Amino acid sequence: MSSTSTTFDRCGCLDVPWFDEHLAGDFLNSGADGSLVDRAGFLAQMARPCPVANLAVEDVRIRPLGEHAIIHGRTTYLKGGRPARARGATPTFWSRRRGRWLCVSAHVTRG
């Protein structure tokens, strides 16, 4: 599970090939705007320029639950070019399938 902690780091650098390799075929993401997108839609979003700047991750906690795991973490970033830092949270849900850890779900919040 330690390699999956990089999920948060990948959002900052828009590493689409990494997501393509680590997202389950039935992956779903609940976006900060209330949207629900599938794997293809999420990969398309990751390919676009990031709407926030200076994305950083704090307080990452990995909770293994047998063949499943939840990764919690907080993000900080600059929004709209303002100097004030904003916060968000992004829990991701992982499942071990055929010996590989794959992300099956994520939920993004932004303040």
Protein backbone atom coordinates (compact mmCIF):
# COMPACT_ATOMS: atom_id res chain seq x y z
CA MET A 1 0.00 0.00 0.00
CA SER A 2 2.92 2.41 0.46
CA SER A 3 3.11 3.16 -3.26
CA THR A 4 -0.52 4.25 -3.26
CA SER A 5 0.27 7.15 -0.94
CA THR A 6 1.59 8.89 -4.02
CA THR A 7 -1.99 9.33 -5.25
CA PHE A 8 -2.05 12.81 -3.77
CA ASP A 9 1.32 13.73 -5.26
CA ARG A 10 0.13 12.69 -8.71
CA CYS A 11 -2.81 15.11 -8.64
CA GLY A 12 -0.35 17.97 -8.36
CA CYS A 13 1.68 16.99 -11.40
CA LEU A 14 -1.20 15.66 -13.53
CA ASP A 15 0.51 12.34 -14.14
CA VAL A 16 -2.14 10.80 -16.42
CA PRO A 17 -0.11 7.63 -17.20
CA TRP A 18 0.22 6.92 -13.46
CA PHE A 19 -3.55 7.29 -12.97
CA ASP A 20 -4.22 5.14 -16.04
CA GLU A 21 -2.15 2.36 -14.46
CA HIS A 22 -3.62 2.64 -10.93
CA LEU A 23 -7.35 3.30 -11.45
CA ALA A 24 -9.73 0.35 -11.51
CA GLY A 25 -11.89 -0.10 -14.60
CA ASP A 26 -14.99 0.72 -12.52
CA PHE A 27 -13.39 3.77 -10.81
CA LEU A 28 -15.68 6.67 -9.89
CA ASN A 29 -14.75 10.14 -8.63
CA SER A 30 -17.04 12.51 -6.75
CA GLY A 31 -15.80 15.97 -7.66
CA ALA A 32 -15.69 19.11 -5.54
CA ASP A 33 -18.41 20.54 -7.80
CA GLY A 34 -20.78 17.66 -7.02
CA SER A 35 -20.09 15.82 -10.27
CA LEU A 36 -19.69 12.06 -10.50
CA VAL A 37 -17.29 10.97 -13.23
CA ASP A 38 -16.12 7.58 -14.38
CA ARG A 39 -12.55 6.50 -15.09
CA ALA A 40 -12.44 7.95 -18.62
CA GLY A 41 -13.89 11.27 -17.46
CA PHE A 42 -11.42 11.47 -14.57
CA LEU A 43 -8.45 10.78 -16.86
CA ALA A 44 -9.70 13.54 -19.17
CA GLN A 45 -9.92 15.93 -16.19
CA MET A 46 -6.37 15.06 -15.12
CA ALA A 47 -5.12 15.86 -18.63
CA ARG A 48 -6.40 19.45 -18.39
CA PRO A 49 -4.48 22.25 -16.65
CA CYS A 50 -4.93 22.19 -12.89
CA PRO A 51 -7.42 24.82 -11.58
CA VAL A 52 -5.37 25.34 -8.40
CA ALA A 53 -1.70 26.19 -7.79
CA ASN A 54 0.92 25.02 -5.30
CA LEU A 55 -0.98 21.84 -4.43
CA ALA A 56 0.52 20.20 -1.34
CA VAL A 57 -0.50 17.22 0.78
CA GLU A 58 -0.72 16.98 4.57
CA ASP A 59 -1.70 14.37 7.13
CA VAL A 60 -1.79 11.34 4.84
CA ARG A 61 -3.11 8.30 6.68
CA ILE A 62 -3.35 4.85 5.14
CA ARG A 63 -5.90 2.50 6.71
CA PRO A 64 -5.48 -1.08 5.46
CA LEU A 65 -8.67 -3.12 5.80
CA GLY A 66 -7.76 -6.57 4.49
CA GLU A 67 -8.19 -6.57 0.72
CA HIS A 68 -9.26 -2.92 0.83
CA ALA A 69 -7.75 0.32 2.11
CA ILE A 70 -8.75 3.93 2.63
CA ILE A 71 -6.23 6.71 2.21
CA HIS A 72 -7.12 9.99 3.89
CA GLY A 73 -5.28 13.23 3.28
CA ARG A 74 -5.68 16.97 3.33
CA THR A 75 -4.59 19.25 0.56
CA THR A 76 -3.58 22.90 0.59
CA TYR A 77 -3.39 25.06 -2.52
CA LEU A 78 -3.73 28.56 -3.91
CA LYS A 79 -7.10 29.27 -5.49
CA GLY A 80 -7.77 31.94 -8.09
CA GLY A 81 -4.30 33.39 -7.67
CA ARG A 82 -5.17 34.68 -4.21
CA PRO A 83 -2.40 34.59 -1.64
CA ALA A 84 -4.62 32.92 0.99
CA ARG A 85 -4.21 29.15 1.20
CA ALA A 86 -7.29 27.03 0.71
CA ARG A 87 -7.85 23.51 2.03
CA GLY A 88 -9.48 20.38 0.78
CA ALA A 89 -9.69 16.67 1.51
CA THR A 90 -9.43 13.70 -0.79
CA PRO A 91 -10.16 10.27 0.63
CA THR A 92 -9.40 7.51 -1.85
CA PHE A 93 -10.60 3.93 -1.64
CA TRP A 94 -8.42 1.06 -2.84
CA SER A 95 -9.01 -2.63 -3.47
CA ARG A 96 -6.51 -5.42 -4.09
CA ARG A 97 -7.57 -7.12 -7.31
CA ARG A 98 -5.60 -9.99 -8.81
CA GLY A 99 -2.68 -9.08 -6.54
CA ARG A 100 -2.60 -5.37 -7.49
CA TRP A 101 -3.81 -2.38 -5.50
CA LEU A 102 -6.21 -0.31 -7.62
CA CYS A 103 -8.04 2.88 -6.73
CA VAL A 104 -11.78 2.25 -7.03
CA SER A 105 -13.15 5.58 -5.76
CA ALA A 106 -12.17 9.09 -4.75
CA HIS A 107 -13.98 12.09 -3.34
CA VAL A 108 -12.55 15.58 -3.75
CA THR A 109 -13.51 18.54 -1.57
CA ARG A 110 -12.16 22.04 -1.84
CA GLY A 111 -12.74 25.01 0.42
